[in-house]
Amino acid sequence: VVAMALHGRTMAQHYAGKADWDTIATLVDELDIPVLG
């Protein structure tokens, strides 16, 4: 796979609360492919 997009919420949250952008930053550090937020 050449890129991955991450919605910063869990399944349980649906669209509630605030998206956790820290998880997106963590994934950026973890992968070599482009990460989309």
Full PDB file with SEQRES, HELIX, SHEET, SSBOND, CRYST1, ORIGX, SCALE, CONECT and MASTER records, all heavy atoms in Angstrom:
SEQRES   1 A   37  VAL VAL ALA MET ALA LEU HIS GLY ARG THR MET ALA GLN          
SEQRES   2 A   37  HIS TYR ALA GLY LYS ALA ASP TRP ASP THR ILE ALA THR          
SEQRES   3 A   37  LEU VAL ASP GLU LEU ASP ILE PRO VAL LEU GLY                  
HELIX    1 AA1 TRP A   21  GLU A   30  1                                  10    
SHEET    1 AA1 2 MET A   4  ALA A   5  0                                        
SHEET    2 AA1 2 VAL A  35  LEU A  36  1                                        
CRYST1    1.000    1.000    1.000  90.00  90.00  90.00 P 1           1          
ORIGX1      1.000000  0.000000  0.000000        0.00000                         
ORIGX2      0.000000  1.000000  0.000000        0.00000                         
ORIGX3      0.000000  0.000000  1.000000        0.00000                         
SCALE1      1.000000  0.000000  0.000000        0.00000                         
SCALE2      0.000000  1.000000  0.000000        0.00000                         
SCALE3      0.000000  0.000000  1.000000        0.00000                         
ATOM      1  N   VAL A   1       0.861  -1.188   0.000  1.00  0.00           N  
ATOM      2  CA  VAL A   1       0.000   0.000   0.000  1.00  0.00           C  
ATOM      3  C   VAL A   1       0.897   1.238   0.000  1.00  0.00           C  
ATOM      4  O   VAL A   1       1.908   1.293   0.708  1.00  0.00           O  
ATOM      5  CB  VAL A   1      -0.929  -0.019   1.239  1.00  0.00           C  
ATOM      6  CG1 VAL A   1      -1.539   1.347   1.498  1.00  0.00           C  
ATOM      7  CG2 VAL A   1      -2.017  -1.061   1.051  1.00  0.00           C  
ATOM      8  N   VAL A   2       0.532   2.266  -0.777  1.00  0.00           N  
ATOM      9  CA  VAL A   2       1.439   3.396  -0.977  1.00  0.00           C  
ATOM     10  C   VAL A   2       1.119   4.606  -0.103  1.00  0.00           C  
ATOM     11  O   VAL A   2       1.904   5.558  -0.056  1.00  0.00           O  
ATOM     12  CB  VAL A   2       1.476   3.824  -2.453  1.00  0.00           C  
ATOM     13  CG1 VAL A   2       1.991   2.688  -3.323  1.00  0.00           C  
ATOM     14  CG2 VAL A   2       0.104   4.279  -2.927  1.00  0.00           C  
ATOM     15  N   ALA A   3      -0.030   4.602   0.582  1.00  0.00           N  
ATOM     16  CA  ALA A   3      -0.368   5.696   1.505  1.00  0.00           C  
ATOM     17  C   ALA A   3      -1.510   5.224   2.392  1.00  0.00           C  
ATOM     18  O   ALA A   3      -2.261   4.308   2.037  1.00  0.00           O  
ATOM     19  CB  ALA A   3      -0.772   6.966   0.747  1.00  0.00           C  
ATOM     20  N   MET A   4      -1.660   5.883   3.542  1.00  0.00           N  
ATOM     21  CA  MET A   4      -2.697   5.505   4.498  1.00  0.00           C  
ATOM     22  C   MET A   4      -3.310   6.759   5.101  1.00  0.00           C  
ATOM     23  O   MET A   4      -2.597   7.683   5.507  1.00  0.00           O  
ATOM     24  CB  MET A   4      -2.096   4.636   5.603  1.00  0.00           C  
ATOM     25  CG  MET A   4      -3.060   4.278   6.728  1.00  0.00           C  
ATOM     26  SD  MET A   4      -2.275   3.126   7.893  1.00  0.00           S  
ATOM     27  CE  MET A   4      -3.544   3.012   9.165  1.00  0.00           C  
ATOM     28  N   ALA A   5      -4.627   6.780   5.154  1.00  0.00           N  
ATOM     29  CA  ALA A   5      -5.351   7.879   5.789  1.00  0.00           C  
ATOM     30  C   ALA A   5      -5.896   7.399   7.124  1.00  0.00           C  
ATOM     31  O   ALA A   5      -6.431   6.291   7.225  1.00  0.00           O  
ATOM     32  CB  ALA A   5      -6.493   8.361   4.904  1.00  0.00           C  
ATOM     33  N   LEU A   6      -5.764   8.228   8.145  1.00  0.00           N  
ATOM     34  CA  LEU A   6      -6.246   7.880   9.477  1.00  0.00           C  
ATOM     35  C   LEU A   6      -7.232   8.923   9.969  1.00  0.00           C  
ATOM     36  O   LEU A   6      -6.912  10.116  10.057  1.00  0.00           O  
ATOM     37  CB  LEU A   6      -5.083   7.787  10.461  1.00  0.00           C  
ATOM     38  CG  LEU A   6      -5.465   7.463  11.915  1.00  0.00           C  
ATOM     39  CD1 LEU A   6      -6.111   6.081  12.011  1.00  0.00           C  
ATOM     40  CD2 LEU A   6      -4.251   7.556  12.832  1.00  0.00           C  
ATOM     41  N   HIS A   7      -8.458   8.471  10.275  1.00  0.00           N  
ATOM     42  CA  HIS A   7      -9.426   9.312  10.970  1.00  0.00           C  
ATOM     43  C   HIS A   7      -9.110   9.193  12.453  1.00  0.00           C  
ATOM     44  O   HIS A   7      -9.135   8.093  13.011  1.00  0.00           O  
ATOM     45  CB  HIS A   7     -10.852   8.826  10.678  1.00  0.00           C  
ATOM     46  CG  HIS A   7     -11.909   9.700  11.279  1.00  0.00           C  
ATOM     47  ND1 HIS A   7     -13.206   9.712  10.808  1.00  0.00           N  
ATOM     48  CD2 HIS A   7     -11.890  10.586  12.297  1.00  0.00           C  
ATOM     49  CE1 HIS A   7     -13.925  10.574  11.527  1.00  0.00           C  
ATOM     50  NE2 HIS A   7     -13.136  11.091  12.438  1.00  0.00           N  
ATOM     51  N   GLY A   8      -8.844  10.325  13.092  1.00  0.00           N  
ATOM     52  CA  GLY A   8      -8.394  10.325  14.472  1.00  0.00           C  
ATOM     53  C   GLY A   8      -9.491  10.082  15.492  1.00  0.00           C  
ATOM     54  O   GLY A   8      -9.550  10.770  16.514  1.00  0.00           O  
ATOM     55  N   ARG A   9     -10.365   9.132  15.228  1.00  0.00           N  
ATOM     56  CA  ARG A   9     -11.393   8.712  16.171  1.00  0.00           C  
ATOM     57  C   ARG A   9     -11.484   7.188  16.162  1.00  0.00           C  
ATOM     58  O   ARG A   9     -11.127   6.541  15.181  1.00  0.00           O  
ATOM     59  CB  ARG A   9     -12.765   9.302  15.814  1.00  0.00           C  
ATOM     60  CG  ARG A   9     -12.936  10.783  16.105  1.00  0.00           C  
ATOM     61  CD  ARG A   9     -14.367  11.226  15.800  1.00  0.00           C  
ATOM     62  NE  ARG A   9     -14.631  12.589  16.237  1.00  0.00           N  
ATOM     63  CZ  ARG A   9     -14.415  13.676  15.499  1.00  0.00           C  
ATOM     64  NH1 ARG A   9     -13.922  13.526  14.283  1.00  0.00           N  
ATOM     65  NH2 ARG A   9     -14.680  14.875  15.968  1.00  0.00           N  
ATOM     66  N   THR A  10     -12.018   6.628  17.242  1.00  0.00           N  
ATOM     67  CA  THR A  10     -12.279   5.200  17.276  1.00  0.00           C  
ATOM     68  C   THR A  10     -13.655   4.904  16.682  1.00  0.00           C  
ATOM     69  O   THR A  10     -14.462   5.812  16.464  1.00  0.00           O  
ATOM     70  CB  THR A  10     -12.254   4.685  18.715  1.00  0.00           C  
ATOM     71  OG1 THR A  10     -13.321   5.299  19.454  1.00  0.00           O  
ATOM     72  CG2 THR A  10     -10.920   4.980  19.394  1.00  0.00           C  
ATOM     73  N   MET A  11     -13.905   3.633  16.476  1.00  0.00           N  
ATOM     74  CA  MET A  11     -15.223   3.209  16.023  1.00  0.00           C  
ATOM     75  C   MET A  11     -16.288   3.605  17.032  1.00  0.00           C  
ATOM     76  O   MET A  11     -17.383   4.039  16.669  1.00  0.00           O  
ATOM     77  CB  MET A  11     -15.216   1.692  15.822  1.00  0.00           C  
ATOM     78  CG  MET A  11     -16.492   1.107  15.281  1.00  0.00           C  
ATOM     79  SD  MET A  11     -16.383  -0.683  15.196  1.00  0.00           S  
ATOM     80  CE  MET A  11     -16.880  -1.115  16.864  1.00  0.00           C  
ATOM     81  N   ALA A  12     -15.981   3.443  18.321  1.00  0.00           N  
ATOM     82  CA  ALA A  12     -16.954   3.757  19.368  1.00  0.00           C  
ATOM     83  C   ALA A  12     -17.337   5.235  19.358  1.00  0.00           C  
ATOM     84  O   ALA A  12     -18.468   5.591  19.683  1.00  0.00           O  
ATOM     85  CB  ALA A  12     -16.397   3.367  20.741  1.00  0.00           C  
ATOM     86  N   GLN A  13     -16.414   6.089  18.970  1.00  0.00           N  
ATOM     87  CA  GLN A  13     -16.692   7.527  18.969  1.00  0.00           C  
ATOM     88  C   GLN A  13     -17.627   7.944  17.841  1.00  0.00           C  
ATOM     89  O   GLN A  13     -18.271   8.985  17.933  1.00  0.00           O  
ATOM     90  CB  GLN A  13     -15.384   8.310  18.827  1.00  0.00           C  
ATOM     91  CG  GLN A  13     -14.553   8.396  20.092  1.00  0.00           C  
ATOM     92  CD  GLN A  13     -13.292   9.207  19.851  1.00  0.00           C  
ATOM     93  OE1 GLN A  13     -12.313   8.708  19.304  1.00  0.00           O  
ATOM     94  NE2 GLN A  13     -13.338  10.474  20.227  1.00  0.00           N  
ATOM     95  N   HIS A  14     -17.667   7.189  16.751  1.00  0.00           N  
ATOM     96  CA  HIS A  14     -18.377   7.637  15.553  1.00  0.00           C  
ATOM     97  C   HIS A  14     -17.818   9.012  15.176  1.00  0.00           C  
ATOM     98  O   HIS A  14     -16.696   9.120  14.746  1.00  0.00           O  
ATOM     99  CB  HIS A  14     -19.877   7.671  15.791  1.00  0.00           C  
ATOM    100  CG  HIS A  14     -20.498   6.308  15.774  1.00  0.00           C  
ATOM    101  ND1 HIS A  14     -21.514   5.962  14.922  1.00  0.00           N  
ATOM    102  CD2 HIS A  14     -20.247   5.189  16.512  1.00  0.00           C  
ATOM    103  CE1 HIS A  14     -21.863   4.709  15.112  1.00  0.00           C  
ATOM    104  NE2 HIS A  14     -21.096   4.218  16.074  1.00  0.00           N  
ATOM    105  N   TYR A  15     -18.607  10.087  15.356  1.00  0.00           N  
ATOM    106  CA  TYR A  15     -18.107  11.438  15.075  1.00  0.00           C  
ATOM    107  C   TYR A  15     -18.153  12.311  16.324  1.00  0.00           C  
ATOM    108  O   TYR A  15     -18.080  13.543  16.238  1.00  0.00           O  
ATOM    109  CB  TYR A  15     -18.922  12.069  13.934  1.00  0.00           C  
ATOM    110  CG  TYR A  15     -18.769  11.300  12.651  1.00  0.00           C  
ATOM    111  CD1 TYR A  15     -19.695  10.325  12.291  1.00  0.00           C  
ATOM    112  CD2 TYR A  15     -17.681  11.513  11.818  1.00  0.00           C  
ATOM    113  CE1 TYR A  15     -19.541   9.585  11.127  1.00  0.00           C  
ATOM    114  CE2 TYR A  15     -17.516  10.781  10.653  1.00  0.00           C  
ATOM    115  CZ  TYR A  15     -18.448   9.818  10.318  1.00  0.00           C  
ATOM    116  OH  TYR A  15     -18.281   9.083   9.175  1.00  0.00           O  
ATOM    117  N   ALA A  16     -18.272  11.683  17.481  1.00  0.00           N  
ATOM    118  CA  ALA A  16     -18.374  12.421  18.744  1.00  0.00           C  
ATOM    119  C   ALA A  16     -16.994  12.889  19.215  1.00  0.00           C  
ATOM    120  O   ALA A  16     -15.957  12.389  18.778  1.00  0.00           O  
ATOM    121  CB  ALA A  16     -19.016  11.537  19.806  1.00  0.00           C  
ATOM    122  N   GLY A  17     -17.024  13.852  20.123  1.00  0.00           N  
ATOM    123  CA  GLY A  17     -15.792  14.311  20.736  1.00  0.00           C  
ATOM    124  C   GLY A  17     -14.864  14.988  19.742  1.00  0.00           C  
ATOM    125  O   GLY A  17     -15.270  15.448  18.676  1.00  0.00           O  
ATOM    126  N   LYS A  18     -13.614  15.030  20.101  1.00  0.00           N  
ATOM    127  CA  LYS A  18     -12.600  15.698  19.287  1.00  0.00           C  
ATOM    128  C   LYS A  18     -11.672  14.664  18.679  1.00  0.00           C  
ATOM    129  O   LYS A  18     -11.269  13.705  19.346  1.00  0.00           O  
ATOM    130  CB  LYS A  18     -11.790  16.671  20.158  1.00  0.00           C  
ATOM    131  CG  LYS A  18     -10.799  17.524  19.394  1.00  0.00           C  
ATOM    132  CD  LYS A  18     -10.113  18.506  20.321  1.00  0.00           C  
ATOM    133  CE  LYS A  18      -9.118  19.382  19.542  1.00  0.00           C  
ATOM    134  NZ  LYS A  18      -8.411  20.331  20.446  1.00  0.00           N  
ATOM    135  N   ALA A  19     -11.331  14.835  17.419  1.00  0.00           N  
ATOM    136  CA  ALA A  19     -10.399  13.923  16.762  1.00  0.00           C  
ATOM    137  C   ALA A  19      -9.030  14.012  17.430  1.00  0.00           C  
ATOM    138  O   ALA A  19      -8.556  15.097  17.771  1.00  0.00           O  
ATOM    139  CB  ALA A  19     -10.286  14.256  15.281  1.00  0.00           C  
ATOM    140  N   ASP A  20      -8.401  12.869  17.612  1.00  0.00           N  
ATOM    141  CA  ASP A  20      -7.094  12.791  18.263  1.00  0.00           C  
ATOM    142  C   ASP A  20      -6.005  12.869  17.194  1.00  0.00           C  
ATOM    143  O   ASP A  20      -5.622  11.863  16.612  1.00  0.00           O  
ATOM    144  CB  ASP A  20      -6.998  11.484  19.059  1.00  0.00           C  
ATOM    145  CG  ASP A  20      -5.689  11.352  19.822  1.00  0.00           C  
ATOM    146  OD1 ASP A  20      -4.845  12.271  19.713  1.00  0.00           O  
ATOM    147  OD2 ASP A  20      -5.514  10.331  20.519  1.00  0.00           O  
ATOM    148  N   TRP A  21      -5.519  14.071  16.972  1.00  0.00           N  
ATOM    149  CA  TRP A  21      -4.493  14.256  15.959  1.00  0.00           C  
ATOM    150  C   TRP A  21      -3.154  13.663  16.385  1.00  0.00           C  
ATOM    151  O   TRP A  21      -2.296  13.407  15.530  1.00  0.00           O  
ATOM    152  CB  TRP A  21      -4.342  15.746  15.640  1.00  0.00           C  
ATOM    153  CG  TRP A  21      -5.508  16.345  14.925  1.00  0.00           C  
ATOM    154  CD1 TRP A  21      -6.650  15.705  14.520  1.00  0.00           C  
ATOM    155  CD2 TRP A  21      -5.647  17.706  14.508  1.00  0.00           C  
ATOM    156  NE1 TRP A  21      -7.503  16.578  13.884  1.00  0.00           N  
ATOM    157  CE2 TRP A  21      -6.915  17.817  13.859  1.00  0.00           C  
ATOM    158  CE3 TRP A  21      -4.857  18.833  14.610  1.00  0.00           C  
ATOM    159  CZ2 TRP A  21      -7.375  19.024  13.329  1.00  0.00           C  
ATOM    160  CZ3 TRP A  21      -5.311  20.042  14.087  1.00  0.00           C  
ATOM    161  CH2 TRP A  21      -6.550  20.131  13.443  1.00  0.00           C  
ATOM    162  N   ASP A  22      -2.952  13.433  17.686  1.00  0.00           N  
ATOM    163  CA  ASP A  22      -1.692  12.834  18.139  1.00  0.00           C  
ATOM    164  C   ASP A  22      -1.491  11.450  17.519  1.00  0.00           C  
ATOM    165  O   ASP A  22      -0.352  11.048  17.244  1.00  0.00           O  
ATOM    166  CB  ASP A  22      -1.663  12.719  19.668  1.00  0.00           C  
ATOM    167  CG  ASP A  22      -1.507  14.063  20.357  1.00  0.00           C  
ATOM    168  OD1 ASP A  22      -1.085  15.036  19.688  1.00  0.00           O  
ATOM    169  OD2 ASP A  22      -1.788  14.144  21.567  1.00  0.00           O  
ATOM    170  N   THR A  23      -2.575  10.705  17.326  1.00  0.00           N  
ATOM    171  CA  THR A  23      -2.434   9.382  16.721  1.00  0.00           C  
ATOM    172  C   THR A  23      -1.945   9.486  15.288  1.00  0.00           C  
ATOM    173  O   THR A  23      -1.185   8.629  14.813  1.00  0.00           O  
ATOM    174  CB  THR A  23      -3.772   8.613  16.764  1.00  0.00           C  
ATOM    175  OG1 THR A  23      -4.777   9.362  16.067  1.00  0.00           O  
ATOM    176  CG2 THR A  23      -4.221   8.372  18.194  1.00  0.00           C  
ATOM    177  N   ILE A  24      -2.369  10.524  14.602  1.00  0.00           N  
ATOM    178  CA  ILE A  24      -1.907  10.736  13.228  1.00  0.00           C  
ATOM    179  C   ILE A  24      -0.406  11.012  13.229  1.00  0.00           C  
ATOM    180  O   ILE A  24       0.346  10.459  12.418  1.00  0.00           O  
ATOM    181  CB  ILE A  24      -2.682  11.894  12.570  1.00  0.00           C  
ATOM    182  CG1 ILE A  24      -4.178  11.560  12.510  1.00  0.00           C  
ATOM    183  CG2 ILE A  24      -2.138  12.192  11.170  1.00  0.00           C  
ATOM    184  CD1 ILE A  24      -5.069  12.735  12.134  1.00  0.00           C  
ATOM    185  N   ALA A  25       0.044  11.839  14.171  1.00  0.00           N  
ATOM    186  CA  ALA A  25       1.476  12.130  14.293  1.00  0.00           C  
ATOM    187  C   ALA A  25       2.266  10.872  14.622  1.00  0.00           C  
ATOM    188  O   ALA A  25       3.373  10.651  14.095  1.00  0.00           O  
ATOM    189  CB  ALA A  25       1.697  13.193  15.370  1.00  0.00           C  
ATOM    190  N   THR A  26       1.708  10.021  15.484  1.00  0.00           N  
ATOM    191  CA  THR A  26       2.375   8.758  15.832  1.00  0.00           C  
ATOM    192  C   THR A  26       2.518   7.876  14.609  1.00  0.00           C  
ATOM    193  O   THR A  26       3.570   7.256  14.380  1.00  0.00           O  
ATOM    194  CB  THR A  26       1.574   8.019  16.919  1.00  0.00           C  
ATOM    195  OG1 THR A  26       1.523   8.826  18.091  1.00  0.00           O  
ATOM    196  CG2 THR A  26       2.212   6.680  17.255  1.00  0.00           C  
ATOM    197  N   LEU A  27       1.474   7.810  13.788  1.00  0.00           N  
ATOM    198  CA  LEU A  27       1.518   6.981  12.581  1.00  0.00           C  
ATOM    199  C   LEU A  27       2.527   7.538  11.583  1.00  0.00           C  
ATOM    200  O   LEU A  27       3.223   6.772  10.905  1.00  0.00           O  
ATOM    201  CB  LEU A  27       0.125   6.899  11.957  1.00  0.00           C  
ATOM    202  CG  LEU A  27      -0.061   5.875  10.843  1.00  0.00           C  
ATOM    203  CD1 LEU A  27       0.148   4.462  11.373  1.00  0.00           C  
ATOM    204  CD2 LEU A  27      -1.448   6.003  10.214  1.00  0.00           C  
ATOM    205  N   VAL A  28       2.614   8.852  11.479  1.00  0.00           N  
ATOM    206  CA  VAL A  28       3.615   9.477  10.604  1.00  0.00           C  
ATOM    207  C   VAL A  28       5.009   9.014  10.992  1.00  0.00           C  
ATOM    208  O   VAL A  28       5.845   8.673  10.129  1.00  0.00           O  
ATOM    209  CB  VAL A  28       3.512  11.014  10.668  1.00  0.00           C  
ATOM    210  CG1 VAL A  28       4.708  11.667   9.986  1.00  0.00           C  
ATOM    211  CG2 VAL A  28       2.219  11.500  10.030  1.00  0.00           C  
ATOM    212  N   ASP A  29       5.292   8.986  12.288  1.00  0.00           N  
ATOM    213  CA  ASP A  29       6.610   8.553  12.767  1.00  0.00           C  
ATOM    214  C   ASP A  29       6.846   7.063  12.532  1.00  0.00           C  
ATOM    215  O   ASP A  29       7.992   6.630  12.360  1.00  0.00           O  
ATOM    216  CB  ASP A  29       6.747   8.858  14.261  1.00  0.00           C  
ATOM    217  CG  ASP A  29       6.843  10.343  14.556  1.00  0.00           C  
ATOM    218  OD1 ASP A  29       7.205  11.102  13.633  1.00  0.00           O  
ATOM    219  OD2 ASP A  29       6.551  10.748  15.695  1.00  0.00           O  
ATOM    220  N   GLU A  30       5.781   6.278  12.527  1.00  0.00           N  
ATOM    221  CA  GLU A  30       5.897   4.823  12.447  1.00  0.00           C  
ATOM    222  C   GLU A  30       6.112   4.322  11.024  1.00  0.00           C  
ATOM    223  O   GLU A  30       6.844   3.342  10.809  1.00  0.00           O  
ATOM    224  CB  GLU A  30       4.626   4.182  13.015  1.00  0.00           C  
ATOM    225  CG  GLU A  30       4.591   2.676  12.980  1.00  0.00           C  
ATOM    226  CD  GLU A  30       5.602   2.020  13.901  1.00  0.00           C  
ATOM    227  OE1 GLU A  30       6.011   2.666  14.890  1.00  0.00           O  
ATOM    228  OE2 GLU A  30       5.999   0.880  13.628  1.00  0.00           O  
ATOM    229  N   LEU A  31       5.499   4.985  10.038  1.00  0.00           N  
ATOM    230  CA  LEU A  31       5.506   4.465   8.672  1.00  0.00           C  
ATOM    231  C   LEU A  31       6.455   5.241   7.764  1.00  0.00           C  
ATOM    232  O   LEU A  31       6.773   6.407   8.005  1.00  0.00           O  
ATOM    233  CB  LEU A  31       4.091   4.516   8.086  1.00  0.00           C  
ATOM    234  CG  LEU A  31       2.998   3.733   8.820  1.00  0.00           C  
ATOM    235  CD1 LEU A  31       1.685   3.817   8.046  1.00  0.00           C  
ATOM    236  CD2 LEU A  31       3.399   2.283   9.046  1.00  0.00           C  
ATOM    237  N   ASP A  32       6.854   4.571   6.692  1.00  0.00           N  
ATOM    238  CA  ASP A  32       7.669   5.220   5.663  1.00  0.00           C  
ATOM    239  C   ASP A  32       6.818   5.755   4.520  1.00  0.00           C  
ATOM    240  O   ASP A  32       7.274   6.598   3.750  1.00  0.00           O  
ATOM    241  CB  ASP A  32       8.692   4.220   5.111  1.00  0.00           C  
ATOM    242  CG  ASP A  32       9.678   3.751   6.172  1.00  0.00           C  
ATOM    243  OD1 ASP A  32      10.079   4.583   7.008  1.00  0.00           O  
ATOM    244  OD2 ASP A  32      10.026   2.557   6.171  1.00  0.00           O  
ATOM    245  N   ILE A  33       5.592   5.234   4.377  1.00  0.00           N  
ATOM    246  CA  ILE A  33       4.692   5.709   3.329  1.00  0.00           C  
ATOM    247  C   ILE A  33       3.970   6.970   3.794  1.00  0.00           C  
ATOM    248  O   ILE A  33       3.901   7.236   5.004  1.00  0.00           O  
ATOM    249  CB  ILE A  33       3.672   4.622   2.930  1.00  0.00           C  
ATOM    250  CG1 ILE A  33       2.823   4.220   4.146  1.00  0.00           C  
ATOM    251  CG2 ILE A  33       4.374   3.431   2.315  1.00  0.00           C  
ATOM    252  CD1 ILE A  33       1.720   3.223   3.826  1.00  0.00           C  
ATOM    253  N   PRO A  34       3.417   7.766   2.864  1.00  0.00           N  
ATOM    254  CA  PRO A  34       2.695   8.975   3.271  1.00  0.00           C  
ATOM    255  C   PRO A  34       1.489   8.649   4.148  1.00  0.00           C  
ATOM    256  O   PRO A  34       0.751   7.693   3.889  1.00  0.00           O  
ATOM    257  CB  PRO A  34       2.246   9.581   1.934  1.00  0.00           C  
ATOM    258  CG  PRO A  34       3.187   9.030   0.919  1.00  0.00           C  
ATOM    259  CD  PRO A  34       3.523   7.651   1.391  1.00  0.00           C  
ATOM    260  N   VAL A  35       1.290   9.456   5.180  1.00  0.00           N  
ATOM    261  CA  VAL A  35       0.137   9.344   6.073  1.00  0.00           C  
ATOM    262  C   VAL A  35      -0.718  10.588   5.899  1.00  0.00           C  
ATOM    263  O   VAL A  35      -0.209  11.719   5.940  1.00  0.00           O  
ATOM    264  CB  VAL A  35       0.568   9.201   7.539  1.00  0.00           C  
ATOM    265  CG1 VAL A  35      -0.639   9.293   8.470  1.00  0.00           C  
ATOM    266  CG2 VAL A  35       1.305   7.880   7.741  1.00  0.00           C  
ATOM    267  N   LEU A  36      -2.022  10.382   5.690  1.00  0.00           N  
ATOM    268  CA  LEU A  36      -2.961  11.484   5.520  1.00  0.00           C  
ATOM    269  C   LEU A  36      -3.820  11.585   6.777  1.00  0.00           C  
ATOM    270  O   LEU A  36      -4.216  10.571   7.351  1.00  0.00           O  
ATOM    271  CB  LEU A  36      -3.846  11.253   4.299  1.00  0.00           C  
ATOM    272  CG  LEU A  36      -3.233  11.418   2.912  1.00  0.00           C  
ATOM    273  CD1 LEU A  36      -2.155  10.376   2.641  1.00  0.00           C  
ATOM    274  CD2 LEU A  36      -4.297  11.302   1.838  1.00  0.00           C  
ATOM    275  N   GLY A  37      -4.119  12.813   7.182  1.00  0.00           N  
ATOM    276  CA  GLY A  37      -4.905  13.033   8.384  1.00  0.00           C  
ATOM    277  C   GLY A  37      -6.341  13.390   8.078  1.00  0.00           C  
ATOM    278  O   GLY A  37      -6.637  14.119   7.129  1.00  0.00           O  
TER     279      GLY A  37                                                      
MASTER        0    0    0    1    2    0    0    6  278    1    0    3          
END                                                                             
